[in-house]
């Protein structure tokens, strides 16, 4: 049974309505103030970055025209009308794409192995030493803060052109990123199993092996698979600095204005990332018994 609506007297209702209106006006004023601050900050940032709205408006038509040109052959016909001409370099591109995948795979694997060991040293709840934890965290911050392309460029200078430089760049960046993610997973575990193993007189590494590792293995694998997806995209542009892979062919096509080649290579990279995304999602579902939808 619904209760009847109580109608307050006008004398009591008027102050309540006035207080409500004042609260609404105050909230709207705060919202407008925040929006005004955001607009001012954007304007100042645009001036600092030398963003010219007039230039943007004058040249915005070039962007869609360039995209359209990417899907045209040299004779002006749509690229999909002649797949033989469009993907004329498919054998070479597939070999370079395979090189990119190997760079990402090897780099992710080695980086994950290194992060697996460092994460237990960097975690606040299980780290054996405060100073060691501090040092590991700072080194990993450096590894993940510097862009992967910069590491690739430094590796090319040190070791020469080729996929080895790309692998080293992926390893360093993956080490920094996964160590932080793994450490955060460890910091959220239940410490009772670790304390139970330690109470038997077991050493630190034994306590980590039997008390912490079973709780974090699934998350470690999931983060590693996710990082592999990211590294495939990162390794695809390593060729811009001479670190091998499909990016090397892509930058040549861009510089020489081989429009149809650019679209063909980009399409291959996009399809590869799609397949890897679906495959790693399916793998996570099979490993952890979850219904992963993509």
C-alpha atoms as a PDB file:
ATOM      1  CA  UNK A   1       0.000   0.000   0.000  1.00  0.00           C
ATOM      2  CA  UNK A   2       1.448   3.376  -1.002  1.00  0.00           C
ATOM      3  CA  UNK A   3       1.675   6.084   1.620  1.00  0.00           C
ATOM      4  CA  UNK A   4      -0.127   9.395   0.937  1.00  0.00           C
ATOM      5  CA  UNK A   5       1.981  12.356  -0.173  1.00  0.00           C
ATOM      6  CA  UNK A   6       2.510  14.837   2.619  1.00  0.00           C
ATOM      7  CA  UNK A   7       2.060  18.460   1.547  1.00  0.00           C
ATOM      8  CA  UNK A   8       4.103  20.841   3.692  1.00  0.00           C
ATOM      9  CA  UNK A   9       2.697  24.200   4.606  1.00  0.00           C
ATOM     10  CA  UNK A  10       3.761  27.105   2.412  1.00  0.00           C
ATOM     11  CA  UNK A  11       5.682  28.719   5.260  1.00  0.00           C
ATOM     12  CA  UNK A  12       7.883  25.599   5.681  1.00  0.00           C
ATOM     13  CA  UNK A  13       8.162  24.808   1.989  1.00  0.00           C
ATOM     14  CA  UNK A  14       9.393  28.231   0.878  1.00  0.00           C
ATOM     15  CA  UNK A  15      12.737  28.142   2.806  1.00  0.00           C
ATOM     16  CA  UNK A  16      13.437  24.608   1.565  1.00  0.00           C
ATOM     17  CA  UNK A  17      12.853  25.596  -2.057  1.00  0.00           C
ATOM     18  CA  UNK A  18      15.033  28.672  -1.627  1.00  0.00           C
ATOM     19  CA  UNK A  19      17.862  26.571  -0.169  1.00  0.00           C
ATOM     20  CA  UNK A  20      17.534  24.062  -3.019  1.00  0.00           C
ATOM     21  CA  UNK A  21      17.650  26.831  -5.652  1.00  0.00           C
ATOM     22  CA  UNK A  22      20.709  28.335  -3.970  1.00  0.00           C
ATOM     23  CA  UNK A  23      22.435  24.944  -3.961  1.00  0.00           C
ATOM     24  CA  UNK A  24      21.662  24.447  -7.667  1.00  0.00           C
ATOM     25  CA  UNK A  25      22.987  27.908  -8.535  1.00  0.00           C
ATOM     26  CA  UNK A  26      26.154  27.270  -6.549  1.00  0.00           C
ATOM     27  CA  UNK A  27      26.757  23.950  -8.294  1.00  0.00           C
ATOM     28  CA  UNK A  28      26.138  25.478 -11.705  1.00  0.00           C
ATOM     29  CA  UNK A  29      28.528  28.290 -10.865  1.00  0.00           C
ATOM     30  CA  UNK A  30      31.236  25.828  -9.885  1.00  0.00           C
ATOM     31  CA  UNK A  31      30.659  23.867 -13.088  1.00  0.00           C
ATOM     32  CA  UNK A  32      30.897  26.990 -15.239  1.00  0.00           C
ATOM     33  CA  UNK A  33      34.045  28.050 -13.395  1.00  0.00           C
ATOM     34  CA  UNK A  34      35.690  24.681 -14.034  1.00  0.00           C
ATOM     35  CA  UNK A  35      34.704  24.792 -17.707  1.00  0.00           C
ATOM     36  CA  UNK A  36      36.074  28.318 -18.005  1.00  0.00           C
ATOM     37  CA  UNK A  37      39.378  27.215 -16.456  1.00  0.00           C
ATOM     38  CA  UNK A  38      39.572  24.293 -18.889  1.00  0.00           C
ATOM     39  CA  UNK A  39      38.932  26.584 -21.866  1.00  0.00           C
ATOM     40  CA  UNK A  40      41.569  29.085 -20.695  1.00  0.00           C
ATOM     41  CA  UNK A  41      44.068  26.269 -20.136  1.00  0.00           C
ATOM     42  CA  UNK A  42      43.383  24.895 -23.632  1.00  0.00           C
ATOM     43  CA  UNK A  43      43.865  28.340 -25.159  1.00  0.00           C
ATOM     44  CA  UNK A  44      47.148  28.862 -23.333  1.00  0.00           C
ATOM     45  CA  UNK A  45      48.327  25.373 -24.314  1.00  0.00           C
ATOM     46  CA  UNK A  46      47.363  26.034 -27.939  1.00  0.00           C
ATOM     47  CA  UNK A  47      49.344  29.279 -27.975  1.00  0.00           C
ATOM     48  CA  UNK A  48      52.348  27.543 -26.399  1.00  0.00           C
ATOM     49  CA  UNK A  49      52.129  24.670 -28.910  1.00  0.00           C
ATOM     50  CA  UNK A  50      51.694  27.126 -31.800  1.00  0.00           C
ATOM     51  CA  UNK A  51      48.333  25.659 -32.785  1.00  0.00           C
ATOM     52  CA  UNK A  52      46.782  27.799 -35.489  1.00  0.00           C
ATOM     53  CA  UNK A  53      43.005  27.381 -35.961  1.00  0.00           C
ATOM     54  CA  UNK A  54      43.192  29.291 -39.246  1.00  0.00           C
ATOM     55  CA  UNK A  55      45.832  26.932 -40.615  1.00  0.00           C
ATOM     56  CA  UNK A  56      43.812  23.945 -39.373  1.00  0.00           C
ATOM     57  CA  UNK A  57      40.685  25.156 -41.180  1.00  0.00           C
ATOM     58  CA  UNK A  58      42.583  25.972 -44.372  1.00  0.00           C
ATOM     59  CA  UNK A  59      44.293  22.577 -44.576  1.00  0.00           C
ATOM     60  CA  UNK A  60      41.715  20.218 -43.071  1.00  0.00           C
ATOM     61  CA  UNK A  61      40.672  19.134 -46.540  1.00  0.00           C
ATOM     62  CA  UNK A  62      44.098  17.649 -47.204  1.00  0.00           C
ATOM     63  CA  UNK A  63      43.628  14.932 -44.620  1.00  0.00           C
ATOM     64  CA  UNK A  64      40.615  13.156 -46.179  1.00  0.00           C
ATOM     65  CA  UNK A  65      42.080  13.669 -49.643  1.00  0.00           C
ATOM     66  CA  UNK A  66      45.280  11.926 -48.527  1.00  0.00           C
ATOM     67  CA  UNK A  67      43.274   9.032 -47.068  1.00  0.00           C
ATOM     68  CA  UNK A  68      41.356   8.684 -50.326  1.00  0.00           C
ATOM     69  CA  UNK A  69      44.613   8.751 -52.305  1.00  0.00           C
ATOM     70  CA  UNK A  70      45.976   5.876 -50.208  1.00  0.00           C
ATOM     71  CA  UNK A  71      43.334   3.571 -51.655  1.00  0.00           C
ATOM     72  CA  UNK A  72      44.008   4.423 -55.278  1.00  0.00           C
ATOM     73  CA  UNK A  73      46.440   2.718 -57.602  1.00  0.00           C
ATOM     74  CA  UNK A  74      48.892   4.586 -59.807  1.00  0.00           C
ATOM     75  CA  UNK A  75      46.356   4.566 -62.648  1.00  0.00           C
ATOM     76  CA  UNK A  76      43.757   6.246 -60.434  1.00  0.00           C
ATOM     77  CA  UNK A  77      41.550   3.181 -60.049  1.00  0.00           C
ATOM     78  CA  UNK A  78      40.367   2.015 -56.592  1.00  0.00           C
ATOM     79  CA  UNK A  79      42.941  -0.284 -55.033  1.00  0.00           C
ATOM     80  CA  UNK A  80      40.488  -3.132 -54.409  1.00  0.00           C
ATOM     81  CA  UNK A  81      39.823  -3.469 -58.143  1.00  0.00           C
ATOM     82  CA  UNK A  82      43.233  -5.084 -58.633  1.00  0.00           C
ATOM     83  CA  UNK A  83      44.543  -6.951 -55.572  1.00  0.00           C
ATOM     84  CA  UNK A  84      47.541  -8.217 -57.558  1.00  0.00           C
ATOM     85  CA  UNK A  85      48.717  -4.663 -58.137  1.00  0.00           C
ATOM     86  CA  UNK A  86      47.730  -3.487 -54.653  1.00  0.00           C
ATOM     87  CA  UNK A  87      49.615  -6.259 -52.816  1.00  0.00           C
ATOM     88  CA  UNK A  88      52.397  -6.661 -55.323  1.00  0.00           C
ATOM     89  CA  UNK A  89      55.012  -6.902 -52.543  1.00  0.00           C
ATOM     90  CA  UNK A  90      53.088  -9.381 -50.375  1.00  0.00           C
ATOM     91  CA  UNK A  91      55.873 -12.007 -50.033  1.00  0.00           C
ATOM     92  CA  UNK A  92      58.404  -9.410 -48.881  1.00  0.00           C
ATOM     93  CA  UNK A  93      55.891  -7.658 -46.645  1.00  0.00           C
ATOM     94  CA  UNK A  94      54.870 -10.918 -45.001  1.00  0.00           C
ATOM     95  CA  UNK A  95      58.501 -11.703 -44.270  1.00  0.00           C
ATOM     96  CA  UNK A  96      58.999  -8.278 -42.697  1.00  0.00           C
ATOM     97  CA  UNK A  97      55.729  -8.610 -40.784  1.00  0.00           C
ATOM     98  CA  UNK A  98      56.903 -11.958 -39.453  1.00  0.00           C
ATOM     99  CA  UNK A  99      60.145 -10.260 -38.403  1.00  0.00           C
ATOM    100  CA  UNK A 100      58.086  -7.667 -36.534  1.00  0.00           C
ATOM    101  CA  UNK A 101      56.082 -10.370 -34.755  1.00  0.00           C
ATOM    102  CA  UNK A 102      59.277 -12.163 -33.750  1.00  0.00           C
ATOM    103  CA  UNK A 103      60.730  -8.919 -32.412  1.00  0.00           C
ATOM    104  CA  UNK A 104      57.623  -8.358 -30.311  1.00  0.00           C
ATOM    105  CA  UNK A 105      57.495 -11.986 -29.155  1.00  0.00           C
ATOM    106  CA  UNK A 106      61.139 -12.292 -28.132  1.00  0.00           C
ATOM    107  CA  UNK A 107      61.177  -8.842 -26.554  1.00  0.00           C
ATOM    108  CA  UNK A 108      57.975  -9.506 -24.606  1.00  0.00           C
ATOM    109  CA  UNK A 109      59.182 -12.897 -23.415  1.00  0.00           C
ATOM    110  CA  UNK A 110      62.571 -11.659 -22.207  1.00  0.00           C
ATOM    111  CA  UNK A 111      61.052  -8.534 -20.674  1.00  0.00           C
ATOM    112  CA  UNK A 112      58.399 -10.571 -18.853  1.00  0.00           C
ATOM    113  CA  UNK A 113      61.024 -12.949 -17.462  1.00  0.00           C
ATOM    114  CA  UNK A 114      63.025 -10.020 -16.124  1.00  0.00           C
ATOM    115  CA  UNK A 115      59.905  -8.329 -14.737  1.00  0.00           C
ATOM    116  CA  UNK A 116      58.883 -11.564 -13.011  1.00  0.00           C
ATOM    117  CA  UNK A 117      62.026 -11.507 -10.925  1.00  0.00           C
ATOM    118  CA  UNK A 118      62.121  -7.764 -10.268  1.00  0.00           C
ATOM    119  CA  UNK A 119      58.447  -7.448  -9.334  1.00  0.00           C
ATOM    120  CA  UNK A 120      58.884  -9.334  -6.058  1.00  0.00           C
ATOM    121  CA  UNK A 121      61.779  -7.023  -5.174  1.00  0.00           C
ATOM    122  CA  UNK A 122      59.728  -3.915  -6.042  1.00  0.00           C
ATOM    123  CA  UNK A 123      56.505  -4.861  -4.222  1.00  0.00           C
ATOM    124  CA  UNK A 124      56.019  -2.916  -0.983  1.00  0.00           C
ATOM    125  CA  UNK A 125      54.491  -5.819   0.949  1.00  0.00           C
ATOM    126  CA  UNK A 126      57.036  -8.541   0.145  1.00  0.00           C
ATOM    127  CA  UNK A 127      60.207  -6.671  -0.886  1.00  0.00           C
ATOM    128  CA  UNK A 128      63.163  -7.845   1.206  1.00  0.00           C
ATOM    129  CA  UNK A 129      64.828  -4.427   1.372  1.00  0.00           C
ATOM    130  CA  UNK A 130      63.528  -0.868   1.310  1.00  0.00           C
ATOM    131  CA  UNK A 131      66.568   0.464  -0.538  1.00  0.00           C
ATOM    132  CA  UNK A 132      66.506  -2.371  -3.047  1.00  0.00           C
ATOM    133  CA  UNK A 133      62.834  -1.707  -3.682  1.00  0.00           C
ATOM    134  CA  UNK A 134      63.571   1.987  -4.218  1.00  0.00           C
ATOM    135  CA  UNK A 135      66.388   1.246  -6.676  1.00  0.00           C
ATOM    136  CA  UNK A 136      64.345  -1.281  -8.677  1.00  0.00           C
ATOM    137  CA  UNK A 137      61.391   1.078  -8.940  1.00  0.00           C
ATOM    138  CA  UNK A 138      63.520   3.985 -10.161  1.00  0.00           C
ATOM    139  CA  UNK A 139      65.260   1.872 -12.797  1.00  0.00           C
ATOM    140  CA  UNK A 140      61.933   0.534 -14.043  1.00  0.00           C
ATOM    141  CA  UNK A 141      60.506   4.048 -14.162  1.00  0.00           C
ATOM    142  CA  UNK A 142      63.368   5.033 -16.441  1.00  0.00           C
ATOM    143  CA  UNK A 143      62.774   1.986 -18.662  1.00  0.00           C
ATOM    144  CA  UNK A 144      59.094   2.699 -19.207  1.00  0.00           C
ATOM    145  CA  UNK A 145      59.307   6.501 -19.320  1.00  0.00           C
ATOM    146  CA  UNK A 146      61.688   6.731 -22.262  1.00  0.00           C
ATOM    147  CA  UNK A 147      59.744   6.029 -25.501  1.00  0.00           C
ATOM    148  CA  UNK A 148      60.401   2.718 -27.197  1.00  0.00           C
ATOM    149  CA  UNK A 149      61.531   4.465 -30.368  1.00  0.00           C
ATOM    150  CA  UNK A 150      64.243   6.276 -28.423  1.00  0.00           C
ATOM    151  CA  UNK A 151      65.576   2.984 -27.082  1.00  0.00           C
ATOM    152  CA  UNK A 152      65.442   1.603 -30.615  1.00  0.00           C
ATOM    153  CA  UNK A 153      67.428   4.559 -31.924  1.00  0.00           C
ATOM    154  CA  UNK A 154      70.050   4.167 -29.202  1.00  0.00           C
ATOM    155  CA  UNK A 155      70.270   0.433 -29.927  1.00  0.00           C
ATOM    156  CA  UNK A 156      70.719   1.099 -33.641  1.00  0.00           C
ATOM    157  CA  UNK A 157      73.579   3.468 -32.848  1.00  0.00           C
ATOM    158  CA  UNK A 158      75.170   0.886 -30.551  1.00  0.00           C
ATOM    159  CA  UNK A 159      74.536  -2.378 -32.427  1.00  0.00           C
ATOM    160  CA  UNK A 160      73.771  -1.301 -35.986  1.00  0.00           C
ATOM    161  CA  UNK A 161      70.728  -1.649 -38.192  1.00  0.00           C
ATOM    162  CA  UNK A 162      68.482  -4.685 -37.921  1.00  0.00           C
ATOM    163  CA  UNK A 163      65.911  -6.417 -35.728  1.00  0.00           C
ATOM    164  CA  UNK A 164      68.331  -6.888 -32.815  1.00  0.00           C
ATOM    165  CA  UNK A 165      68.009  -3.195 -31.991  1.00  0.00           C
ATOM    166  CA  UNK A 166      64.218  -3.518 -32.038  1.00  0.00           C
ATOM    167  CA  UNK A 167      64.291  -6.531 -29.743  1.00  0.00           C
ATOM    168  CA  UNK A 168      66.460  -4.700 -27.212  1.00  0.00           C
ATOM    169  CA  UNK A 169      64.123  -1.702 -27.255  1.00  0.00           C
ATOM    170  CA  UNK A 170      61.086  -3.925 -26.662  1.00  0.00           C
ATOM    171  CA  UNK A 171      62.862  -5.794 -23.851  1.00  0.00           C
ATOM    172  CA  UNK A 172      63.808  -2.618 -21.984  1.00  0.00           C
ATOM    173  CA  UNK A 173      60.388  -0.979 -22.292  1.00  0.00           C
ATOM    174  CA  UNK A 174      58.537  -4.202 -21.441  1.00  0.00           C
ATOM    175  CA  UNK A 175      60.738  -4.733 -18.407  1.00  0.00           C
ATOM    176  CA  UNK A 176      59.817  -1.335 -17.006  1.00  0.00           C
ATOM    177  CA  UNK A 177      56.094  -1.586 -17.751  1.00  0.00           C
ATOM    178  CA  UNK A 178      55.506  -5.165 -16.596  1.00  0.00           C
ATOM    179  CA  UNK A 179      57.579  -4.800 -13.432  1.00  0.00           C
ATOM    180  CA  UNK A 180      55.240  -2.052 -12.237  1.00  0.00           C
ATOM    181  CA  UNK A 181      52.109  -3.997 -13.184  1.00  0.00           C
ATOM    182  CA  UNK A 182      53.385  -7.221 -11.639  1.00  0.00           C
ATOM    183  CA  UNK A 183      54.408  -5.396  -8.454  1.00  0.00           C
ATOM    184  CA  UNK A 184      50.950  -3.865  -8.107  1.00  0.00           C
ATOM    185  CA  UNK A 185      49.401  -7.308  -8.459  1.00  0.00           C
ATOM    186  CA  UNK A 186      51.681  -8.659  -5.739  1.00  0.00           C
ATOM    187  CA  UNK A 187      50.822  -5.756  -3.434  1.00  0.00           C
ATOM    188  CA  UNK A 188      47.148  -6.755  -3.557  1.00  0.00           C
ATOM    189  CA  UNK A 189      47.580 -10.419  -2.598  1.00  0.00           C
ATOM    190  CA  UNK A 190      46.416 -12.009   0.627  1.00  0.00           C
ATOM    191  CA  UNK A 191      49.466 -12.058   2.912  1.00  0.00           C
ATOM    192  CA  UNK A 192      48.215 -14.882   5.129  1.00  0.00           C
ATOM    193  CA  UNK A 193      49.610 -17.685   2.901  1.00  0.00           C
ATOM    194  CA  UNK A 194      52.965 -15.887   2.737  1.00  0.00           C
ATOM    195  CA  UNK A 195      53.031 -15.435   6.510  1.00  0.00           C
ATOM    196  CA  UNK A 196      52.063 -19.071   6.981  1.00  0.00           C
ATOM    197  CA  UNK A 197      54.933 -20.327   4.832  1.00  0.00           C
ATOM    198  CA  UNK A 198      57.370 -17.909   6.497  1.00  0.00           C
ATOM    199  CA  UNK A 199      56.260 -19.072   9.966  1.00  0.00           C
ATOM    200  CA  UNK A 200      57.628 -22.536   9.197  1.00  0.00           C
ATOM    201  CA  UNK A 201      61.129 -21.070   8.916  1.00  0.00           C
ATOM    202  CA  UNK A 202      61.170 -21.082   5.118  1.00  0.00           C
ATOM    203  CA  UNK A 203      63.403 -18.601   3.309  1.00  0.00           C
ATOM    204  CA  UNK A 204      62.103 -15.556   1.468  1.00  0.00           C
ATOM    205  CA  UNK A 205      62.153 -17.096  -1.996  1.00  0.00           C
ATOM    206  CA  UNK A 206      60.335 -20.201  -0.760  1.00  0.00           C
ATOM    207  CA  UNK A 207      57.641 -18.025   0.798  1.00  0.00           C
ATOM    208  CA  UNK A 208      57.266 -16.222  -2.530  1.00  0.00           C
ATOM    209  CA  UNK A 209      57.143 -19.502  -4.429  1.00  0.00           C
ATOM    210  CA  UNK A 210      54.424 -21.159  -2.354  1.00  0.00           C
ATOM    211  CA  UNK A 211      52.673 -18.206  -0.700  1.00  0.00           C
ATOM    212  CA  UNK A 212      52.563 -15.457  -3.337  1.00  0.00           C
ATOM    213  CA  UNK A 213      53.127 -17.012  -6.755  1.00  0.00           C
ATOM    214  CA  UNK A 214      49.922 -19.110  -6.879  1.00  0.00           C
ATOM    215  CA  UNK A 215      47.891 -15.959  -6.262  1.00  0.00           C
ATOM    216  CA  UNK A 216      49.455 -13.870  -9.036  1.00  0.00           C
ATOM    217  CA  UNK A 217      50.189 -16.311 -11.864  1.00  0.00           C
ATOM    218  CA  UNK A 218      46.953 -15.712 -13.762  1.00  0.00           C
ATOM    219  CA  UNK A 219      47.332 -11.935 -13.643  1.00  0.00           C
ATOM    220  CA  UNK A 220      50.975 -12.185 -14.697  1.00  0.00           C
ATOM    221  CA  UNK A 221      50.022 -14.204 -17.778  1.00  0.00           C
ATOM    222  CA  UNK A 222      47.147 -11.859 -18.615  1.00  0.00           C
ATOM    223  CA  UNK A 223      49.320  -8.747 -18.386  1.00  0.00           C
ATOM    224  CA  UNK A 224      52.035 -10.417 -20.466  1.00  0.00           C
ATOM    225  CA  UNK A 225      49.572 -11.264 -23.245  1.00  0.00           C
ATOM    226  CA  UNK A 226      48.252  -7.718 -23.168  1.00  0.00           C
ATOM    227  CA  UNK A 227      51.786  -6.377 -23.350  1.00  0.00           C
ATOM    228  CA  UNK A 228      52.469  -8.573 -26.375  1.00  0.00           C
ATOM    229  CA  UNK A 229      49.586  -6.881 -28.206  1.00  0.00           C
ATOM    230  CA  UNK A 230      51.040  -3.471 -27.346  1.00  0.00           C
ATOM    231  CA  UNK A 231      54.537  -4.497 -28.406  1.00  0.00           C
ATOM    232  CA  UNK A 232      53.331  -5.702 -31.807  1.00  0.00           C
ATOM    233  CA  UNK A 233      52.032  -2.213 -32.496  1.00  0.00           C
ATOM    234  CA  UNK A 234      55.219  -0.671 -31.131  1.00  0.00           C
ATOM    235  CA  UNK A 235      57.484  -2.969 -33.123  1.00  0.00           C
ATOM    236  CA  UNK A 236      55.568  -2.105 -36.304  1.00  0.00           C
ATOM    237  CA  UNK A 237      57.181   1.344 -36.371  1.00  0.00           C
ATOM    238  CA  UNK A 238      60.668   0.315 -35.264  1.00  0.00           C
ATOM    239  CA  UNK A 239      61.759   0.434 -38.871  1.00  0.00           C
ATOM    240  CA  UNK A 240      61.357   4.221 -38.809  1.00  0.00           C
ATOM    241  CA  UNK A 241      64.736   4.365 -37.038  1.00  0.00           C
ATOM    242  CA  UNK A 242      66.274   1.375 -38.806  1.00  0.00           C
ATOM    243  CA  UNK A 243      65.423  -1.324 -36.258  1.00  0.00           C
ATOM    244  CA  UNK A 244      63.978  -3.739 -38.818  1.00  0.00           C
ATOM    245  CA  UNK A 245      60.491  -5.100 -39.332  1.00  0.00           C
ATOM    246  CA  UNK A 246      57.587  -3.968 -41.460  1.00  0.00           C
ATOM    247  CA  UNK A 247      58.040  -0.371 -40.290  1.00  0.00           C
ATOM    248  CA  UNK A 248      61.172  -0.095 -42.401  1.00  0.00           C
ATOM    249  CA  UNK A 249      59.160  -0.783 -45.560  1.00  0.00           C
ATOM    250  CA  UNK A 250      56.348   1.494 -44.368  1.00  0.00           C
ATOM    251  CA  UNK A 251      58.563   4.532 -43.875  1.00  0.00           C
ATOM    252  CA  UNK A 252      60.115   4.024 -47.324  1.00  0.00           C
ATOM    253  CA  UNK A 253      56.646   3.922 -48.905  1.00  0.00           C
ATOM    254  CA  UNK A 254      55.608   7.086 -47.045  1.00  0.00           C
ATOM    255  CA  UNK A 255      58.742   9.022 -48.030  1.00  0.00           C
ATOM    256  CA  UNK A 256      58.491   8.006 -51.680  1.00  0.00           C
ATOM    257  CA  UNK A 257      54.719   8.682 -51.850  1.00  0.00           C
ATOM    258  CA  UNK A 258      53.834   5.104 -52.777  1.00  0.00           C
ATOM    259  CA  UNK A 259      50.264   5.630 -51.654  1.00  0.00           C
ATOM    260  CA  UNK A 260      48.820   2.200 -52.398  1.00  0.00           C
ATOM    261  CA  UNK A 261      51.811   0.519 -50.740  1.00  0.00           C
ATOM    262  CA  UNK A 262      51.176   2.527 -47.566  1.00  0.00           C
ATOM    263  CA  UNK A 263      47.537   1.435 -47.397  1.00  0.00           C
ATOM    264  CA  UNK A 264      48.423  -2.200 -48.112  1.00  0.00           C
ATOM    265  CA  UNK A 265      51.056  -2.325 -45.365  1.00  0.00           C
ATOM    266  CA  UNK A 266      48.792  -0.529 -42.878  1.00  0.00           C
ATOM    267  CA  UNK A 267      45.970  -2.928 -43.673  1.00  0.00           C
ATOM    268  CA  UNK A 268      48.249  -5.902 -43.016  1.00  0.00           C
ATOM    269  CA  UNK A 269      49.339  -4.426 -39.672  1.00  0.00           C
ATOM    270  CA  UNK A 270      45.742  -3.699 -38.628  1.00  0.00           C
ATOM    271  CA  UNK A 271      44.557  -7.199 -39.530  1.00  0.00           C
ATOM    272  CA  UNK A 272      47.506  -8.712 -37.659  1.00  0.00           C
ATOM    273  CA  UNK A 273      46.680  -6.713 -34.520  1.00  0.00           C
ATOM    274  CA  UNK A 274      43.025  -7.784 -34.809  1.00  0.00           C
ATOM    275  CA  UNK A 275      44.009 -11.439 -35.016  1.00  0.00           C
ATOM    276  CA  UNK A 276      46.401 -11.147 -32.076  1.00  0.00           C
ATOM    277  CA  UNK A 277      43.778  -9.331 -30.006  1.00  0.00           C
ATOM    278  CA  UNK A 278      41.201 -12.040 -30.643  1.00  0.00           C
ATOM    279  CA  UNK A 279      43.738 -14.827 -30.155  1.00  0.00           C
ATOM    280  CA  UNK A 280      45.099 -13.535 -26.848  1.00  0.00           C
ATOM    281  CA  UNK A 281      41.562 -12.927 -25.583  1.00  0.00           C
ATOM    282  CA  UNK A 282      40.630 -16.500 -26.442  1.00  0.00           C
ATOM    283  CA  UNK A 283      43.818 -17.753 -24.807  1.00  0.00           C
ATOM    284  CA  UNK A 284      43.075 -15.866 -21.575  1.00  0.00           C
ATOM    285  CA  UNK A 285      39.614 -17.374 -21.553  1.00  0.00           C
ATOM    286  CA  UNK A 286      40.982 -20.898 -22.033  1.00  0.00           C
ATOM    287  CA  UNK A 287      43.665 -20.487 -19.383  1.00  0.00           C
ATOM    288  CA  UNK A 288      41.480 -18.973 -16.685  1.00  0.00           C
ATOM    289  CA  UNK A 289      38.107 -20.496 -17.508  1.00  0.00           C
ATOM    290  CA  UNK A 290      36.414 -17.211 -18.351  1.00  0.00           C
ATOM    291  CA  UNK A 291      34.016 -16.370 -21.140  1.00  0.00           C
ATOM    292  CA  UNK A 292      36.050 -13.719 -22.961  1.00  0.00           C
ATOM    293  CA  UNK A 293      34.064 -11.829 -25.593  1.00  0.00           C
ATOM    294  CA  UNK A 294      35.763  -9.809 -28.302  1.00  0.00           C
END
